[in-house]
Amino acid sequence: MKNKISFVIAKLFLLTVLAMIFSSAYSQRPNDQRPQRIPDSTQIVKMTNNLAQELFLTDEQKAKITDLYLAHFKEVKKQLDEIERDKKRNREKMETYKSEFEEKIKSLLIDEQKVKFDNFQKTHRPQQRQEHREMN
């Protein structure tokens, strides 16, 4: 019985490690900007049922693992929401910083140069963004 539980725990650990490796490798795809999907409670129950069948989990193990999954994905959602809020705040800070920088440059220019500078910024901004994407 103890060996069977150890085997189940080892198999569960292996599955968890594989899932983490797969998810970290997948999340590092630079061009994939889709938000991560968090499974809902129905999907979590289905995942746990599949795991229970594969590992021959007892009802107690299955219930505890379901609770762990629910708590885990609740925390993951919380963390992803926080990351999104941070991204938005950082984007806003960078826009403010960029605007202030451009105003400092304009303060050194005469009116004719300011117009040319604005045009230069408009025509070169898309190109700069593309170059930045290619560098990353």
N, C-alpha and C. Protein backbone atom coordinates (compact mmCIF):
# COMPACT_ATOMS: atom_id res chain seq x y z
N MET A 1 0.84 -1.20 0.00
CA MET A 1 0.00 0.00 0.00
C MET A 1 0.87 1.25 0.00
N LYS A 2 1.93 1.23 0.85
CA LYS A 2 2.83 2.39 0.92
C LYS A 2 3.56 2.58 -0.41
N ASN A 3 3.97 1.48 -1.04
CA ASN A 3 4.63 1.56 -2.33
C ASN A 3 3.70 2.11 -3.40
N LYS A 4 2.42 1.70 -3.32
CA LYS A 4 1.44 2.17 -4.30
C LYS A 4 1.24 3.68 -4.15
N ILE A 5 1.16 4.17 -2.92
CA ILE A 5 1.01 5.61 -2.68
C ILE A 5 2.25 6.35 -3.14
N SER A 6 3.42 5.79 -2.85
CA SER A 6 4.68 6.42 -3.30
C SER A 6 4.73 6.48 -4.82
N PHE A 7 4.29 5.40 -5.45
CA PHE A 7 4.26 5.37 -6.92
C PHE A 7 3.30 6.43 -7.46
N VAL A 8 2.14 6.55 -6.85
CA VAL A 8 1.14 7.54 -7.28
C VAL A 8 1.70 8.95 -7.11
N ILE A 9 2.33 9.20 -5.97
CA ILE A 9 2.90 10.52 -5.71
C ILE A 9 4.02 10.81 -6.71
N ALA A 10 4.87 9.82 -6.99
CA ALA A 10 5.95 10.01 -7.95
C ALA A 10 5.39 10.30 -9.34
N LYS A 11 4.35 9.58 -9.72
CA LYS A 11 3.74 9.79 -11.03
C LYS A 11 3.09 11.17 -11.11
N LEU A 12 2.41 11.58 -10.04
CA LEU A 12 1.80 12.90 -9.99
C LEU A 12 2.86 13.99 -10.07
N PHE A 13 3.96 13.79 -9.37
CA PHE A 13 5.07 14.75 -9.41
C PHE A 13 5.62 14.85 -10.83
N LEU A 14 5.82 13.73 -11.47
CA LEU A 14 6.33 13.71 -12.84
C LEU A 14 5.38 14.44 -13.79
N LEU A 15 4.10 14.17 -13.66
CA LEU A 15 3.11 14.85 -14.51
C LEU A 15 3.13 16.35 -14.28
N THR A 16 3.26 16.76 -13.03
CA THR A 16 3.32 18.18 -12.69
C THR A 16 4.56 18.84 -13.30
N VAL A 17 5.71 18.17 -13.17
CA VAL A 17 6.95 18.71 -13.73
C VAL A 17 6.83 18.82 -15.25
N LEU A 18 6.30 17.80 -15.89
CA LEU A 18 6.13 17.86 -17.34
C LEU A 18 5.18 18.99 -17.75
N ALA A 19 4.12 19.15 -17.00
CA ALA A 19 3.18 20.24 -17.30
C ALA A 19 3.85 21.59 -17.14
N MET A 20 4.68 21.74 -16.12
CA MET A 20 5.38 23.01 -15.90
C MET A 20 6.38 23.27 -17.02
N ILE A 21 7.11 22.25 -17.43
CA ILE A 21 8.08 22.41 -18.51
C ILE A 21 7.36 22.80 -19.80
N PHE A 22 6.30 22.10 -20.11
CA PHE A 22 5.54 22.40 -21.32
C PHE A 22 4.97 23.81 -21.28
N SER A 23 4.39 24.19 -20.15
CA SER A 23 3.77 25.51 -20.07
C SER A 23 4.81 26.61 -20.12
N SER A 24 5.98 26.41 -19.50
CA SER A 24 7.00 27.45 -19.56
C SER A 24 7.59 27.55 -20.96
N ALA A 25 7.78 26.44 -21.62
CA ALA A 25 8.29 26.48 -22.99
C ALA A 25 7.28 27.15 -23.92
N TYR A 26 6.02 26.83 -23.75
CA TYR A 26 4.98 27.41 -24.58
C TYR A 26 4.81 28.90 -24.32
N SER A 27 4.93 29.29 -23.06
CA SER A 27 4.72 30.70 -22.71
C SER A 27 5.85 31.58 -23.18
N GLN A 28 6.98 31.02 -23.58
CA GLN A 28 8.11 31.81 -24.02
C GLN A 28 8.09 32.10 -25.52
N ARG A 29 7.03 31.71 -26.18
CA ARG A 29 6.90 32.02 -27.61
C ARG A 29 6.69 33.53 -27.74
N PRO A 30 7.64 34.27 -28.35
CA PRO A 30 7.57 35.73 -28.37
C PRO A 30 6.42 36.30 -29.19
N ASN A 31 5.98 35.64 -30.23
CA ASN A 31 4.94 36.21 -31.08
C ASN A 31 3.54 35.81 -30.65
N ASP A 32 3.44 34.99 -29.63
CA ASP A 32 2.13 34.54 -29.17
C ASP A 32 1.69 35.42 -28.01
N GLN A 33 0.87 36.42 -28.31
CA GLN A 33 0.47 37.39 -27.31
C GLN A 33 -0.92 37.12 -26.74
N ARG A 34 -1.46 35.96 -27.03
CA ARG A 34 -2.77 35.63 -26.49
C ARG A 34 -2.68 35.45 -24.98
N PRO A 35 -3.70 35.90 -24.25
CA PRO A 35 -3.67 35.68 -22.80
C PRO A 35 -3.80 34.19 -22.48
N GLN A 36 -3.19 33.80 -21.39
CA GLN A 36 -3.27 32.41 -20.98
C GLN A 36 -4.69 32.09 -20.54
N ARG A 37 -5.15 30.89 -20.91
CA ARG A 37 -6.48 30.46 -20.50
C ARG A 37 -6.39 29.76 -19.16
N ILE A 38 -7.27 30.16 -18.29
CA ILE A 38 -7.36 29.52 -16.98
C ILE A 38 -8.57 28.58 -17.03
N PRO A 39 -8.36 27.31 -16.68
CA PRO A 39 -9.51 26.39 -16.72
C PRO A 39 -10.55 26.76 -15.67
N ASP A 40 -11.81 26.60 -16.04
CA ASP A 40 -12.88 26.84 -15.07
C ASP A 40 -13.07 25.59 -14.21
N SER A 41 -13.98 25.66 -13.25
CA SER A 41 -14.16 24.55 -12.31
C SER A 41 -14.58 23.26 -13.02
N THR A 42 -15.38 23.38 -14.06
CA THR A 42 -15.79 22.18 -14.81
C THR A 42 -14.58 21.52 -15.47
N GLN A 43 -13.72 22.33 -16.07
CA GLN A 43 -12.52 21.78 -16.70
C GLN A 43 -11.57 21.18 -15.67
N ILE A 44 -11.49 21.82 -14.51
CA ILE A 44 -10.62 21.30 -13.45
C ILE A 44 -11.13 19.94 -12.97
N VAL A 45 -12.43 19.82 -12.80
CA VAL A 45 -13.00 18.53 -12.38
C VAL A 45 -12.71 17.46 -13.44
N LYS A 46 -12.83 17.85 -14.70
CA LYS A 46 -12.53 16.90 -15.78
C LYS A 46 -11.05 16.48 -15.74
N MET A 47 -10.17 17.46 -15.53
CA MET A 47 -8.74 17.14 -15.43
C MET A 47 -8.48 16.19 -14.26
N THR A 48 -9.11 16.48 -13.14
CA THR A 48 -8.92 15.64 -11.96
C THR A 48 -9.48 14.24 -12.19
N ASN A 49 -10.63 14.15 -12.84
CA ASN A 49 -11.20 12.84 -13.15
C ASN A 49 -10.26 12.04 -14.04
N ASN A 50 -9.69 12.70 -15.04
CA ASN A 50 -8.73 12.01 -15.92
C ASN A 50 -7.51 11.54 -15.12
N LEU A 51 -7.02 12.41 -14.26
CA LEU A 51 -5.88 12.06 -13.43
C LEU A 51 -6.23 10.92 -12.48
N ALA A 52 -7.42 10.97 -11.91
CA ALA A 52 -7.85 9.92 -10.98
C ALA A 52 -7.91 8.56 -11.67
N GLN A 53 -8.40 8.56 -12.90
CA GLN A 53 -8.45 7.30 -13.66
C GLN A 53 -7.05 6.80 -13.95
N GLU A 54 -6.18 7.70 -14.36
CA GLU A 54 -4.82 7.32 -14.75
C GLU A 54 -4.01 6.83 -13.55
N LEU A 55 -4.19 7.48 -12.41
CA LEU A 55 -3.36 7.17 -11.23
C LEU A 55 -4.08 6.30 -10.20
N PHE A 56 -5.34 5.93 -10.48
CA PHE A 56 -6.13 5.14 -9.55
C PHE A 56 -6.20 5.83 -8.18
N LEU A 57 -6.58 7.10 -8.21
CA LEU A 57 -6.66 7.88 -6.97
C LEU A 57 -7.85 7.42 -6.13
N THR A 58 -7.66 7.51 -4.83
CA THR A 58 -8.78 7.27 -3.92
C THR A 58 -9.68 8.50 -3.97
N ASP A 59 -10.89 8.37 -3.43
CA ASP A 59 -11.81 9.52 -3.40
C ASP A 59 -11.21 10.67 -2.60
N GLU A 60 -10.53 10.32 -1.51
CA GLU A 60 -9.91 11.36 -0.67
C GLU A 60 -8.80 12.08 -1.45
N GLN A 61 -7.94 11.32 -2.14
CA GLN A 61 -6.88 11.93 -2.94
C GLN A 61 -7.47 12.82 -4.03
N LYS A 62 -8.49 12.29 -4.68
CA LYS A 62 -9.13 13.04 -5.77
C LYS A 62 -9.70 14.36 -5.26
N ALA A 63 -10.36 14.32 -4.11
CA ALA A 63 -10.95 15.54 -3.54
C ALA A 63 -9.87 16.55 -3.18
N LYS A 64 -8.79 16.07 -2.57
CA LYS A 64 -7.71 16.97 -2.17
C LYS A 64 -7.01 17.56 -3.39
N ILE A 65 -6.80 16.74 -4.40
CA ILE A 65 -6.14 17.22 -5.62
C ILE A 65 -7.04 18.23 -6.34
N THR A 66 -8.33 17.99 -6.37
CA THR A 66 -9.26 18.95 -6.96
C THR A 66 -9.17 20.28 -6.23
N ASP A 67 -9.14 20.23 -4.90
CA ASP A 67 -9.01 21.47 -4.12
C ASP A 67 -7.69 22.18 -4.43
N LEU A 68 -6.62 21.39 -4.58
CA LEU A 68 -5.32 21.99 -4.92
C LEU A 68 -5.37 22.66 -6.29
N TYR A 69 -5.95 21.99 -7.26
CA TYR A 69 -6.09 22.57 -8.60
C TYR A 69 -6.90 23.87 -8.54
N LEU A 70 -8.02 23.84 -7.85
CA LEU A 70 -8.87 25.04 -7.77
C LEU A 70 -8.11 26.20 -7.13
N ALA A 71 -7.41 25.93 -6.03
CA ALA A 71 -6.64 26.98 -5.37
C ALA A 71 -5.50 27.47 -6.26
N HIS A 72 -4.85 26.53 -6.92
CA HIS A 72 -3.73 26.89 -7.80
C HIS A 72 -4.18 27.83 -8.93
N PHE A 73 -5.23 27.46 -9.62
CA PHE A 73 -5.66 28.28 -10.76
C PHE A 73 -6.29 29.59 -10.31
N LYS A 74 -6.84 29.63 -9.11
CA LYS A 74 -7.32 30.90 -8.57
C LYS A 74 -6.13 31.84 -8.36
N GLU A 75 -5.04 31.30 -7.82
CA GLU A 75 -3.83 32.11 -7.60
C GLU A 75 -3.20 32.50 -8.94
N VAL A 76 -3.17 31.60 -9.89
CA VAL A 76 -2.62 31.91 -11.21
C VAL A 76 -3.40 33.06 -11.84
N LYS A 77 -4.72 33.00 -11.76
CA LYS A 77 -5.55 34.07 -12.31
C LYS A 77 -5.23 35.40 -11.62
N LYS A 78 -5.11 35.35 -10.32
CA LYS A 78 -4.78 36.56 -9.56
C LYS A 78 -3.44 37.14 -10.02
N GLN A 79 -2.45 36.27 -10.19
CA GLN A 79 -1.12 36.72 -10.63
C GLN A 79 -1.15 37.28 -12.05
N LEU A 80 -1.87 36.62 -12.95
CA LEU A 80 -1.98 37.11 -14.33
C LEU A 80 -2.69 38.45 -14.38
N ASP A 81 -3.72 38.61 -13.56
CA ASP A 81 -4.42 39.90 -13.50
C ASP A 81 -3.48 41.01 -13.02
N GLU A 82 -2.66 40.68 -12.03
CA GLU A 82 -1.70 41.66 -11.50
C GLU A 82 -0.65 42.02 -12.56
N ILE A 83 -0.20 41.03 -13.29
CA ILE A 83 0.77 41.28 -14.37
C ILE A 83 0.17 42.21 -15.40
N GLU A 84 -1.09 41.98 -15.77
CA GLU A 84 -1.75 42.84 -16.76
C GLU A 84 -1.88 44.27 -16.23
N ARG A 85 -2.22 44.42 -14.95
CA ARG A 85 -2.31 45.76 -14.36
C ARG A 85 -0.95 46.44 -14.38
N ASP A 86 0.10 45.67 -14.06
CA ASP A 86 1.46 46.23 -14.07
C ASP A 86 1.87 46.64 -15.48
N LYS A 87 1.52 45.82 -16.48
CA LYS A 87 1.85 46.16 -17.86
C LYS A 87 1.20 47.48 -18.25
N LYS A 88 -0.06 47.63 -17.88
CA LYS A 88 -0.78 48.86 -18.22
C LYS A 88 -0.14 50.06 -17.53
N ARG A 89 0.19 49.91 -16.25
CA ARG A 89 0.84 51.02 -15.52
C ARG A 89 2.18 51.35 -16.14
N ASN A 90 2.96 50.34 -16.47
CA ASN A 90 4.28 50.58 -17.08
C ASN A 90 4.16 51.24 -18.44
N ARG A 91 3.17 50.81 -19.23
CA ARG A 91 2.94 51.41 -20.53
C ARG A 91 2.60 52.89 -20.37
N GLU A 92 1.75 53.20 -19.40
CA GLU A 92 1.36 54.59 -19.16
C GLU A 92 2.57 55.42 -18.71
N LYS A 93 3.40 54.85 -17.84
CA LYS A 93 4.60 55.55 -17.38
C LYS A 93 5.54 55.83 -18.55
N MET A 94 5.72 54.83 -19.40
CA MET A 94 6.62 55.01 -20.55
C MET A 94 6.08 56.04 -21.53
N GLU A 95 4.79 56.07 -21.73
CA GLU A 95 4.19 57.09 -22.61
C GLU A 95 4.41 58.48 -22.03
N THR A 96 4.23 58.62 -20.73
CA THR A 96 4.45 59.91 -20.08
C THR A 96 5.92 60.31 -20.20
N TYR A 97 6.81 59.37 -19.93
CA TYR A 97 8.24 59.63 -20.02
C TYR A 97 8.63 60.03 -21.44
N LYS A 98 8.08 59.33 -22.43
CA LYS A 98 8.37 59.64 -23.83
C LYS A 98 7.86 61.04 -24.20
N SER A 99 6.67 61.37 -23.76
CA SER A 99 6.10 62.70 -24.04
C SER A 99 6.95 63.80 -23.41
N GLU A 100 7.36 63.58 -22.18
CA GLU A 100 8.21 64.56 -21.51
C GLU A 100 9.54 64.72 -22.25
N PHE A 101 10.10 63.61 -22.69
CA PHE A 101 11.35 63.63 -23.44
C PHE A 101 11.19 64.42 -24.74
N GLU A 102 10.12 64.13 -25.46
CA GLU A 102 9.88 64.83 -26.73
C GLU A 102 9.67 66.33 -26.50
N GLU A 103 9.02 66.68 -25.40
CA GLU A 103 8.82 68.11 -25.09
C GLU A 103 10.16 68.78 -24.78
N LYS A 104 11.06 68.08 -24.13
CA LYS A 104 12.39 68.64 -23.86
C LYS A 104 13.14 68.89 -25.16
N ILE A 105 13.01 67.94 -26.10
CA ILE A 105 13.65 68.12 -27.40
C ILE A 105 13.04 69.33 -28.10
N LYS A 106 11.72 69.41 -28.11
CA LYS A 106 11.03 70.51 -28.80
C LYS A 106 11.39 71.86 -28.20
N SER A 107 11.68 71.88 -26.90
CA SER A 107 12.04 73.16 -26.27
C SER A 107 13.35 73.71 -26.81
N LEU A 108 14.14 72.87 -27.47
CA LEU A 108 15.41 73.29 -28.05
C LEU A 108 15.29 73.66 -29.53
N LEU A 109 14.11 73.45 -30.10
CA LEU A 109 13.92 73.63 -31.53
C LEU A 109 13.15 74.92 -31.81
N ILE A 110 13.38 75.44 -33.02
CA ILE A 110 12.56 76.56 -33.47
C ILE A 110 11.28 75.98 -34.07
N ASP A 111 10.30 76.84 -34.34
CA ASP A 111 8.98 76.37 -34.79
C ASP A 111 9.06 75.48 -36.03
N GLU A 112 9.85 75.87 -36.99
CA GLU A 112 9.97 75.07 -38.23
C GLU A 112 10.54 73.68 -37.93
N GLN A 113 11.51 73.62 -37.03
CA GLN A 113 12.10 72.34 -36.66
C GLN A 113 11.11 71.47 -35.88
N LYS A 114 10.28 72.11 -35.10
CA LYS A 114 9.28 71.36 -34.34
C LYS A 114 8.32 70.63 -35.27
N VAL A 115 7.89 71.32 -36.33
CA VAL A 115 6.99 70.70 -37.30
C VAL A 115 7.70 69.52 -37.97
N LYS A 116 8.94 69.72 -38.38
CA LYS A 116 9.70 68.63 -39.01
C LYS A 116 9.93 67.48 -38.03
N PHE A 117 10.19 67.84 -36.78
CA PHE A 117 10.38 66.81 -35.76
C PHE A 117 9.11 65.96 -35.59
N ASP A 118 7.97 66.62 -35.53
CA ASP A 118 6.69 65.90 -35.41
C ASP A 118 6.49 64.96 -36.60
N ASN A 119 6.76 65.45 -37.78
CA ASN A 119 6.63 64.62 -38.98
C ASN A 119 7.62 63.45 -38.96
N PHE A 120 8.81 63.73 -38.53
CA PHE A 120 9.83 62.69 -38.42
C PHE A 120 9.36 61.60 -37.45
N GLN A 121 8.82 62.01 -36.32
CA GLN A 121 8.33 61.06 -35.33
C GLN A 121 7.20 60.20 -35.90
N LYS A 122 6.31 60.83 -36.63
CA LYS A 122 5.18 60.09 -37.20
C LYS A 122 5.63 59.06 -38.22
N THR A 123 6.59 59.42 -39.05
CA THR A 123 7.01 58.52 -40.12
C THR A 123 7.97 57.44 -39.63
N HIS A 124 8.69 57.69 -38.56
CA HIS A 124 9.70 56.73 -38.10
C HIS A 124 9.24 55.87 -36.94
N ARG A 125 8.18 56.22 -36.29
CA ARG A 125 7.71 55.44 -35.15
C ARG A 125 7.34 53.99 -35.52
N PRO A 126 6.57 53.77 -36.58
CA PRO A 126 6.26 52.37 -36.93
C PRO A 126 7.52 51.57 -37.24
N GLN A 127 8.48 52.19 -37.91
CA GLN A 127 9.71 51.50 -38.25
C GLN A 127 10.50 51.16 -36.97
N GLN A 128 10.53 52.08 -36.02
CA GLN A 128 11.24 51.82 -34.77
C GLN A 128 10.60 50.67 -34.01
N ARG A 129 9.30 50.60 -34.00
CA ARG A 129 8.62 49.51 -33.31
C ARG A 129 8.94 48.17 -33.97
N GLN A 130 8.95 48.15 -35.30
CA GLN A 130 9.28 46.91 -36.02
C GLN A 130 10.71 46.48 -35.71
N GLU A 131 11.65 47.43 -35.69
CA GLU A 131 13.04 47.09 -35.39
C GLU A 131 13.16 46.55 -33.96
N HIS A 132 12.40 47.15 -33.04
CA HIS A 132 12.42 46.70 -31.66
C HIS A 132 11.90 45.26 -31.55
N ARG A 133 10.84 44.94 -32.28
CA ARG A 133 10.29 43.57 -32.27
C ARG A 133 11.29 42.58 -32.82
N GLU A 134 12.01 42.98 -33.87
CA GLU A 134 12.97 42.07 -34.48
C GLU A 134 14.16 41.82 -33.56
N MET A 135 14.49 42.79 -32.73
CA MET A 135 15.60 42.63 -31.80
C MET A 135 15.26 41.68 -30.67
N ASN A 136 13.99 41.60 -30.30
CA ASN A 136 13.58 40.76 -29.17
C ASN A 136 13.27 39.37 -29.57
